[in-house]
Amino acid sequence: MVIELHRISVAKDTLRQWMTEAGIWISRRERKKRVFQPRGRRDCFGELVQIDGAHHWWLEKRGAKCALLVYIDDATGRSVR
């Protein structure tokens, strides 16, 4: 875009150096990582059931594409039927 508008071509390293000197470039190491608080498990079985699914050719293209759903209890970590 810059080349088409202004007919200027600058190497990536040169641009990064200019941005660093101007204080607007932050390296990946210096970027703050987001801290996620771990959520504690629920106390009672059945209080929270998480559902996960995936569309896939489970029948090796011998049938229609199907969705496999898994229900997982949060308190125990076991699958629920």
N, C-alpha and C. Protein backbone atom coordinates (compact mmCIF):
# COMPACT_ATOMS: atom_id res chain seq x y z
N MET A 1 0.83 -1.19 0.00
CA MET A 1 0.00 0.00 0.00
C MET A 1 0.88 1.26 0.00
N VAL A 2 1.89 1.27 0.84
CA VAL A 2 2.78 2.44 0.90
C VAL A 2 3.51 2.61 -0.43
N ILE A 3 3.91 1.50 -1.03
CA ILE A 3 4.65 1.59 -2.30
C ILE A 3 3.77 2.20 -3.38
N GLU A 4 2.49 1.79 -3.44
CA GLU A 4 1.60 2.32 -4.48
C GLU A 4 1.30 3.80 -4.26
N LEU A 5 1.10 4.22 -3.01
CA LEU A 5 0.73 5.61 -2.74
C LEU A 5 1.90 6.57 -2.80
N HIS A 6 3.04 6.18 -2.21
CA HIS A 6 4.14 7.11 -2.04
C HIS A 6 5.40 6.74 -2.82
N ARG A 7 5.39 5.58 -3.46
CA ARG A 7 6.56 5.10 -4.23
C ARG A 7 7.80 5.02 -3.35
N ILE A 8 7.59 4.49 -2.11
CA ILE A 8 8.68 4.31 -1.16
C ILE A 8 8.78 2.83 -0.82
N SER A 9 9.98 2.30 -0.84
CA SER A 9 10.20 0.92 -0.45
C SER A 9 11.24 0.90 0.66
N VAL A 10 10.88 0.30 1.81
CA VAL A 10 11.77 0.26 2.97
C VAL A 10 11.87 -1.18 3.44
N ALA A 11 13.07 -1.61 3.79
CA ALA A 11 13.26 -2.97 4.31
C ALA A 11 12.59 -3.10 5.67
N LYS A 12 12.16 -4.32 5.99
CA LYS A 12 11.48 -4.58 7.26
C LYS A 12 12.36 -4.19 8.45
N ASP A 13 13.64 -4.55 8.37
CA ASP A 13 14.55 -4.26 9.49
C ASP A 13 14.73 -2.75 9.69
N THR A 14 14.78 -2.02 8.60
CA THR A 14 14.92 -0.56 8.69
C THR A 14 13.67 0.04 9.34
N LEU A 15 12.52 -0.40 8.91
CA LEU A 15 11.26 0.10 9.47
C LEU A 15 11.17 -0.24 10.96
N ARG A 16 11.55 -1.48 11.32
CA ARG A 16 11.54 -1.88 12.73
C ARG A 16 12.48 -1.01 13.55
N GLN A 17 13.65 -0.72 13.01
CA GLN A 17 14.62 0.13 13.72
C GLN A 17 14.05 1.54 13.91
N TRP A 18 13.43 2.09 12.89
CA TRP A 18 12.82 3.42 13.01
C TRP A 18 11.73 3.42 14.06
N MET A 19 10.91 2.38 14.04
CA MET A 19 9.81 2.30 15.01
C MET A 19 10.34 2.13 16.43
N THR A 20 11.42 1.37 16.60
CA THR A 20 12.04 1.19 17.92
C THR A 20 12.57 2.52 18.43
N GLU A 21 13.24 3.26 17.58
CA GLU A 21 13.78 4.56 17.97
C GLU A 21 12.66 5.53 18.33
N ALA A 22 11.51 5.42 17.66
CA ALA A 22 10.38 6.30 17.95
C ALA A 22 9.58 5.83 19.16
N GLY A 23 9.89 4.63 19.65
CA GLY A 23 9.20 4.09 20.82
C GLY A 23 7.85 3.48 20.52
N ILE A 24 7.60 3.11 19.27
CA ILE A 24 6.30 2.52 18.92
C ILE A 24 6.41 1.05 18.53
N TRP A 25 7.59 0.48 18.60
CA TRP A 25 7.77 -0.96 18.32
C TRP A 25 8.02 -1.69 19.63
N ILE A 26 7.26 -2.73 19.85
CA ILE A 26 7.45 -3.55 21.04
C ILE A 26 7.70 -4.98 20.58
N SER A 27 8.83 -5.53 20.98
CA SER A 27 9.16 -6.89 20.56
C SER A 27 8.23 -7.89 21.23
N ARG A 28 8.16 -9.07 20.69
CA ARG A 28 7.29 -10.09 21.26
C ARG A 28 7.67 -10.45 22.69
N ARG A 29 8.94 -10.43 22.98
CA ARG A 29 9.40 -10.74 24.34
C ARG A 29 8.94 -9.70 25.35
N GLU A 30 8.86 -8.44 24.90
CA GLU A 30 8.48 -7.36 25.81
C GLU A 30 6.97 -7.23 25.98
N ARG A 31 6.20 -7.80 25.05
CA ARG A 31 4.74 -7.72 25.16
C ARG A 31 4.28 -8.48 26.38
N LYS A 32 3.32 -7.93 27.06
CA LYS A 32 2.81 -8.60 28.26
C LYS A 32 1.91 -9.75 27.85
N LYS A 33 2.11 -10.85 28.48
CA LYS A 33 1.25 -12.01 28.26
C LYS A 33 -0.01 -11.83 29.10
N ARG A 34 -1.14 -12.21 28.54
CA ARG A 34 -2.38 -12.15 29.30
C ARG A 34 -2.39 -13.26 30.33
N VAL A 35 -2.72 -12.92 31.54
CA VAL A 35 -2.77 -13.90 32.60
C VAL A 35 -4.23 -14.33 32.78
N PHE A 36 -4.45 -15.63 32.66
CA PHE A 36 -5.79 -16.16 32.84
C PHE A 36 -5.89 -16.82 34.20
N GLN A 37 -6.92 -16.44 34.93
CA GLN A 37 -7.14 -17.05 36.23
C GLN A 37 -7.78 -18.41 36.03
N PRO A 38 -7.20 -19.45 36.59
CA PRO A 38 -7.84 -20.77 36.47
C PRO A 38 -9.15 -20.79 37.25
N ARG A 39 -10.15 -21.34 36.64
CA ARG A 39 -11.46 -21.44 37.28
C ARG A 39 -11.52 -22.75 38.04
N GLY A 40 -11.94 -22.69 39.27
CA GLY A 40 -12.07 -23.90 40.07
C GLY A 40 -13.21 -24.78 39.56
N ARG A 41 -13.06 -26.07 39.76
CA ARG A 41 -14.11 -26.99 39.36
C ARG A 41 -15.34 -26.82 40.23
N ARG A 42 -16.49 -27.20 39.70
CA ARG A 42 -17.73 -27.17 40.47
C ARG A 42 -17.70 -28.25 41.53
N ASP A 43 -18.48 -28.04 42.58
CA ASP A 43 -18.47 -28.96 43.71
C ASP A 43 -19.27 -30.23 43.47
N CYS A 44 -20.41 -30.11 42.81
CA CYS A 44 -21.34 -31.24 42.71
C CYS A 44 -21.41 -31.79 41.30
N PHE A 45 -21.55 -33.11 41.21
CA PHE A 45 -21.73 -33.78 39.93
C PHE A 45 -23.01 -33.25 39.26
N GLY A 46 -22.93 -32.89 37.97
CA GLY A 46 -24.08 -32.42 37.23
C GLY A 46 -24.37 -30.94 37.34
N GLU A 47 -23.60 -30.24 38.15
CA GLU A 47 -23.83 -28.80 38.32
C GLU A 47 -23.47 -28.04 37.04
N LEU A 48 -22.41 -28.47 36.38
CA LEU A 48 -22.01 -27.86 35.12
C LEU A 48 -21.53 -28.97 34.19
N VAL A 49 -22.17 -29.08 33.05
CA VAL A 49 -21.78 -30.07 32.04
C VAL A 49 -21.34 -29.30 30.81
N GLN A 50 -20.11 -29.54 30.37
CA GLN A 50 -19.58 -28.87 29.20
C GLN A 50 -19.75 -29.78 27.99
N ILE A 51 -20.10 -29.17 26.86
CA ILE A 51 -20.34 -29.93 25.63
C ILE A 51 -19.31 -29.52 24.59
N ASP A 52 -18.72 -30.51 23.94
CA ASP A 52 -17.76 -30.25 22.87
C ASP A 52 -18.12 -31.14 21.70
N GLY A 53 -17.92 -30.65 20.49
CA GLY A 53 -18.27 -31.43 19.32
C GLY A 53 -17.35 -31.16 18.16
N ALA A 54 -17.36 -32.11 17.20
CA ALA A 54 -16.53 -31.96 16.01
C ALA A 54 -17.21 -32.60 14.81
N HIS A 55 -17.30 -31.85 13.69
CA HIS A 55 -17.80 -32.41 12.44
C HIS A 55 -16.64 -33.12 11.75
N HIS A 56 -16.88 -34.35 11.35
CA HIS A 56 -15.79 -35.13 10.77
C HIS A 56 -16.38 -36.27 9.94
N TRP A 57 -15.58 -36.83 9.08
CA TRP A 57 -16.00 -38.01 8.31
C TRP A 57 -15.75 -39.24 9.17
N TRP A 58 -16.54 -39.41 10.21
CA TRP A 58 -16.35 -40.51 11.16
C TRP A 58 -16.53 -41.87 10.50
N LEU A 59 -17.32 -41.96 9.45
CA LEU A 59 -17.59 -43.23 8.77
C LEU A 59 -16.72 -43.40 7.53
N GLU A 60 -15.61 -42.71 7.48
CA GLU A 60 -14.64 -42.79 6.38
C GLU A 60 -15.29 -42.59 5.02
N LYS A 61 -16.12 -41.59 4.90
CA LYS A 61 -16.81 -41.18 3.69
C LYS A 61 -17.77 -42.25 3.15
N ARG A 62 -18.12 -43.23 3.98
CA ARG A 62 -19.12 -44.22 3.59
C ARG A 62 -20.52 -43.71 3.91
N GLY A 63 -20.60 -42.64 4.62
CA GLY A 63 -21.87 -42.03 4.97
C GLY A 63 -21.70 -40.53 5.03
N ALA A 64 -22.70 -39.87 5.53
CA ALA A 64 -22.65 -38.41 5.64
C ALA A 64 -21.65 -37.96 6.70
N LYS A 65 -21.23 -36.72 6.61
CA LYS A 65 -20.36 -36.14 7.62
C LYS A 65 -21.17 -36.02 8.91
N CYS A 66 -20.64 -36.48 10.02
CA CYS A 66 -21.37 -36.52 11.29
C CYS A 66 -20.70 -35.62 12.33
N ALA A 67 -21.47 -35.31 13.35
CA ALA A 67 -20.94 -34.54 14.48
C ALA A 67 -20.89 -35.44 15.69
N LEU A 68 -19.72 -35.55 16.30
CA LEU A 68 -19.54 -36.30 17.53
C LEU A 68 -19.62 -35.31 18.69
N LEU A 69 -20.53 -35.54 19.61
CA LEU A 69 -20.69 -34.67 20.77
C LEU A 69 -20.24 -35.40 22.02
N VAL A 70 -19.52 -34.70 22.87
CA VAL A 70 -19.05 -35.27 24.14
C VAL A 70 -19.53 -34.34 25.25
N TYR A 71 -20.13 -34.93 26.28
CA TYR A 71 -20.61 -34.19 27.45
C TYR A 71 -19.67 -34.52 28.61
N ILE A 72 -19.07 -33.50 29.21
CA ILE A 72 -18.09 -33.72 30.28
C ILE A 72 -18.55 -32.99 31.54
N ASP A 73 -18.63 -33.74 32.62
CA ASP A 73 -18.99 -33.16 33.91
C ASP A 73 -17.81 -32.39 34.47
N ASP A 74 -18.06 -31.16 34.90
CA ASP A 74 -16.99 -30.30 35.37
C ASP A 74 -16.45 -30.74 36.73
N ALA A 75 -17.29 -31.24 37.59
CA ALA A 75 -16.86 -31.62 38.95
C ALA A 75 -15.92 -32.81 38.93
N THR A 76 -16.19 -33.78 38.05
CA THR A 76 -15.39 -35.01 38.05
C THR A 76 -14.45 -35.13 36.87
N GLY A 77 -14.75 -34.43 35.78
CA GLY A 77 -13.93 -34.54 34.57
C GLY A 77 -14.28 -35.77 33.76
N ARG A 78 -15.34 -36.48 34.11
CA ARG A 78 -15.74 -37.70 33.40
C ARG A 78 -16.78 -37.37 32.34
N SER A 79 -16.82 -38.19 31.30
CA SER A 79 -17.86 -38.02 30.28
C SER A 79 -19.18 -38.48 30.84
N VAL A 80 -20.25 -37.83 30.40
CA VAL A 80 -21.60 -38.10 30.90
C VAL A 80 -22.40 -38.72 29.77
N ARG A 81 -23.17 -39.76 30.09
CA ARG A 81 -24.02 -40.39 29.06
C ARG A 81 -25.40 -39.87 29.11
